[in-house]
């Protein structure tokens, strides 16, 4: 029986570990924000935190990192595993893969700064709560663009793969398509 995932090149390994480090770092950051949420409700300490309603701002940071960034960054790692069949020793569209990853990282940094410093007003919407601050919104846009680029790369790699497509690559193509549809719906909601 062939292995579930084919062997990866060194460059694909690096990209895989980069996505997984981003996913784990987002969970660590979510834990920090969970502590800030608790401190924002603690007498005396709550007066030392920035902003008037720091509880909700820290809650936005916690949810964004614990749900949105964690799931999508982990999915980025799964996409690398699924489409970078390295029997030929070349990673599919390597510059595009790294540009998508670094755009996502810069987006996450831009999401964290306003949440920690208490900038913007919190909008506690389901699934993707936001802070109404330009840094946060640009970070969300940059993270979405990075994930969108990774999803397009995955779809293109699945399309270009020799037939028959493996079950894992087929699943990666479906999830990449779903991420692109959700990003498009999020864009339509933001525009309206």
Protein backbone atom coordinates (compact mmCIF):
# COMPACT_ATOMS: atom_id res chain seq x y z
CA UNK A 1 0.00 0.00 0.00
CA UNK A 2 1.49 3.39 -0.96
CA UNK A 3 1.97 5.97 1.80
CA UNK A 4 -0.90 8.37 2.44
CA UNK A 5 1.32 11.39 1.80
CA UNK A 6 4.22 11.23 -0.67
CA UNK A 7 7.68 12.34 0.45
CA UNK A 8 8.25 16.10 0.46
CA UNK A 9 11.24 18.08 -0.70
CA UNK A 10 13.21 20.23 1.73
CA UNK A 11 11.48 23.38 0.48
CA UNK A 12 8.02 21.80 0.90
CA UNK A 13 9.01 20.66 4.42
CA UNK A 14 9.98 24.22 5.27
CA UNK A 15 6.68 25.56 3.99
CA UNK A 16 4.75 22.87 5.86
CA UNK A 17 6.54 23.68 9.12
CA UNK A 18 6.04 27.41 8.52
CA UNK A 19 2.25 26.95 8.25
CA UNK A 20 2.20 24.68 11.30
CA UNK A 21 4.27 27.16 13.33
CA UNK A 22 1.81 29.90 12.39
CA UNK A 23 -1.09 27.68 13.49
CA UNK A 24 0.55 26.85 16.84
CA UNK A 25 1.61 30.48 17.39
CA UNK A 26 -2.00 31.54 16.83
CA UNK A 27 -3.13 29.18 19.58
CA UNK A 28 -0.48 30.57 21.93
CA UNK A 29 -1.62 34.10 21.09
CA UNK A 30 -5.24 33.06 21.67
CA UNK A 31 -4.20 31.85 25.12
CA UNK A 32 -2.58 35.21 25.85
CA UNK A 33 -5.76 36.97 24.77
CA UNK A 34 -7.83 34.61 26.96
CA UNK A 35 -5.71 35.79 29.89
CA UNK A 36 -6.29 39.40 28.86
CA UNK A 37 -10.04 38.74 28.69
CA UNK A 38 -9.95 37.44 32.25
CA UNK A 39 -7.83 40.38 33.44
CA UNK A 40 -10.24 42.82 31.79
CA UNK A 41 -12.89 41.61 34.25
CA UNK A 42 -10.61 41.64 37.30
CA UNK A 43 -11.02 44.60 39.70
CA UNK A 44 -8.04 46.97 39.90
CA UNK A 45 -6.25 45.25 36.97
CA UNK A 46 -9.01 46.24 34.53
CA UNK A 47 -8.20 49.90 35.20
CA UNK A 48 -4.60 49.37 34.03
CA UNK A 49 -5.60 48.01 30.60
CA UNK A 50 -5.98 50.36 27.59
CA UNK A 51 -9.34 51.49 26.27
CA UNK A 52 -12.70 51.71 27.97
CA UNK A 53 -14.06 48.30 26.96
CA UNK A 54 -10.90 46.21 26.75
CA UNK A 55 -12.81 43.00 27.50
CA UNK A 56 -14.50 43.00 24.08
CA UNK A 57 -11.33 44.07 22.24
CA UNK A 58 -9.35 41.22 23.81
CA UNK A 59 -12.23 38.86 23.05
CA UNK A 60 -12.03 39.81 19.36
CA UNK A 61 -8.28 39.07 19.38
CA UNK A 62 -8.88 35.73 21.11
CA UNK A 63 -11.59 34.57 18.69
CA UNK A 64 -9.70 35.68 15.56
CA UNK A 65 -6.58 33.78 16.61
CA UNK A 66 -8.30 30.74 18.14
CA UNK A 67 -10.75 30.13 15.32
CA UNK A 68 -9.96 31.95 12.08
CA UNK A 69 -6.15 31.97 12.03
CA UNK A 70 -5.76 28.55 13.67
CA UNK A 71 -8.05 26.70 11.26
CA UNK A 72 -6.84 28.41 8.11
CA UNK A 73 -3.12 28.21 8.96
CA UNK A 74 -3.46 24.51 9.75
CA UNK A 75 -5.30 24.10 6.45
CA UNK A 76 -2.36 25.78 4.72
CA UNK A 77 -0.12 23.03 6.08
CA UNK A 78 -2.53 20.35 4.93
CA UNK A 79 -2.57 21.86 1.44
CA UNK A 80 1.23 21.58 1.29
CA UNK A 81 1.02 17.92 2.29
CA UNK A 82 -1.69 17.21 -0.25
CA UNK A 83 -0.37 18.85 -3.41
CA UNK A 84 3.41 18.88 -3.15
CA UNK A 85 4.10 15.39 -4.43
CA UNK A 86 7.87 15.56 -4.58
CA UNK A 87 8.74 12.48 -6.58
CA UNK A 88 10.15 14.93 -9.12
CA UNK A 89 11.84 17.04 -6.40
CA UNK A 90 10.19 20.36 -7.35
CA UNK A 91 7.58 22.14 -5.28
CA UNK A 92 4.52 23.45 -7.14
CA UNK A 93 4.75 27.22 -7.63
CA UNK A 94 7.17 27.84 -4.75
CA UNK A 95 7.30 31.68 -4.94
CA UNK A 96 3.51 31.88 -4.87
CA UNK A 97 3.41 29.55 -1.89
CA UNK A 98 5.83 31.66 0.13
CA UNK A 99 4.20 34.96 -0.86
CA UNK A 100 0.85 33.61 0.37
CA UNK A 101 2.41 32.46 3.64
CA UNK A 102 4.20 35.75 4.37
CA UNK A 103 1.10 37.78 3.46
CA UNK A 104 -0.84 35.70 5.99
CA UNK A 105 1.85 36.25 8.65
CA UNK A 106 1.89 40.02 8.09
CA UNK A 107 -1.89 40.00 8.26
CA UNK A 108 -1.83 38.20 11.62
CA UNK A 109 0.67 40.72 13.03
CA UNK A 110 -1.56 43.54 11.84
CA UNK A 111 -4.53 41.85 13.52
CA UNK A 112 -2.77 41.47 16.86
CA UNK A 113 -1.46 45.02 17.32
CA UNK A 114 -4.82 46.84 17.54
CA UNK A 115 -6.32 44.09 19.68
CA UNK A 116 -3.50 44.29 22.24
CA UNK A 117 -3.38 48.08 22.28
CA UNK A 118 -7.18 48.43 22.49
CA UNK A 119 -7.62 50.36 19.25
CA UNK A 120 -10.96 50.51 17.45
CA UNK A 121 -14.48 49.60 18.44
CA UNK A 122 -15.35 45.89 18.67
CA UNK A 123 -18.05 44.45 16.41
CA UNK A 124 -18.91 41.05 17.88
CA UNK A 125 -20.27 39.35 14.77
CA UNK A 126 -20.52 35.58 14.59
CA UNK A 127 -17.49 33.72 13.21
CA UNK A 128 -15.37 36.76 12.37
CA UNK A 129 -15.56 39.54 14.97
CA UNK A 130 -13.68 42.71 14.02
CA UNK A 131 -12.25 45.88 15.45
CA UNK A 132 -13.16 48.99 13.47
CA UNK A 133 -9.59 50.14 13.08
CA UNK A 134 -7.68 50.46 9.78
CA UNK A 135 -4.80 48.28 10.98
CA UNK A 136 -7.13 45.48 12.01
CA UNK A 137 -9.16 45.64 8.83
CA UNK A 138 -6.05 45.76 6.64
CA UNK A 139 -4.64 42.81 8.60
CA UNK A 140 -7.82 40.86 7.99
CA UNK A 141 -7.62 41.72 4.30
CA UNK A 142 -3.93 40.76 4.09
CA UNK A 143 -4.49 37.46 5.93
CA UNK A 144 -7.41 36.68 3.63
CA UNK A 145 -5.32 37.53 0.57
CA UNK A 146 -2.51 35.24 1.77
CA UNK A 147 -4.92 32.38 2.37
CA UNK A 148 -6.62 33.07 -0.96
CA UNK A 149 -3.29 32.89 -2.75
CA UNK A 150 -2.50 29.59 -1.00
CA UNK A 151 -5.93 28.26 -1.99
CA UNK A 152 -5.50 29.30 -5.65
CA UNK A 153 -2.06 27.67 -5.67
CA UNK A 154 -3.58 24.48 -4.27
CA UNK A 155 -6.39 24.41 -6.83
CA UNK A 156 -3.96 25.01 -9.67
CA UNK A 157 -1.62 22.28 -8.42
CA UNK A 158 -4.50 19.80 -8.17
CA UNK A 159 -5.61 20.74 -11.69
CA UNK A 160 -2.07 20.26 -13.05
CA UNK A 161 -1.50 16.93 -11.24
CA UNK A 162 -1.23 13.82 -13.38
CA UNK A 163 -4.39 11.72 -13.38
CA UNK A 164 -5.73 9.98 -11.41
CA UNK A 165 -5.80 12.58 -8.61
CA UNK A 166 -5.27 11.10 -5.17
CA UNK A 167 -8.06 11.24 -2.62
CA UNK A 168 -5.99 13.62 -0.47
CA UNK A 169 -5.33 16.02 -3.36
CA UNK A 170 -9.00 15.88 -4.34
CA UNK A 171 -9.98 16.83 -0.76
CA UNK A 172 -7.41 19.64 -0.79
CA UNK A 173 -8.93 20.99 -3.98
CA UNK A 174 -12.41 20.94 -2.47
CA UNK A 175 -11.31 22.73 0.72
CA UNK A 176 -9.35 25.29 -1.31
CA UNK A 177 -12.46 25.97 -3.39
CA UNK A 178 -14.55 26.35 -0.23
CA UNK A 179 -12.05 28.80 1.25
CA UNK A 180 -12.17 30.87 -1.95
CA UNK A 181 -15.98 30.88 -1.91
CA UNK A 182 -16.03 31.94 1.74
CA UNK A 183 -13.49 34.71 1.07
CA UNK A 184 -15.65 35.92 -1.81
CA UNK A 185 -18.77 35.91 0.42
CA UNK A 186 -16.84 37.77 3.13
CA UNK A 187 -15.77 40.35 0.54
CA UNK A 188 -19.36 40.80 -0.62
CA UNK A 189 -20.51 41.25 2.99
CA UNK A 190 -17.76 43.82 3.62
CA UNK A 191 -18.72 45.78 0.51
CA UNK A 192 -22.38 45.91 1.50
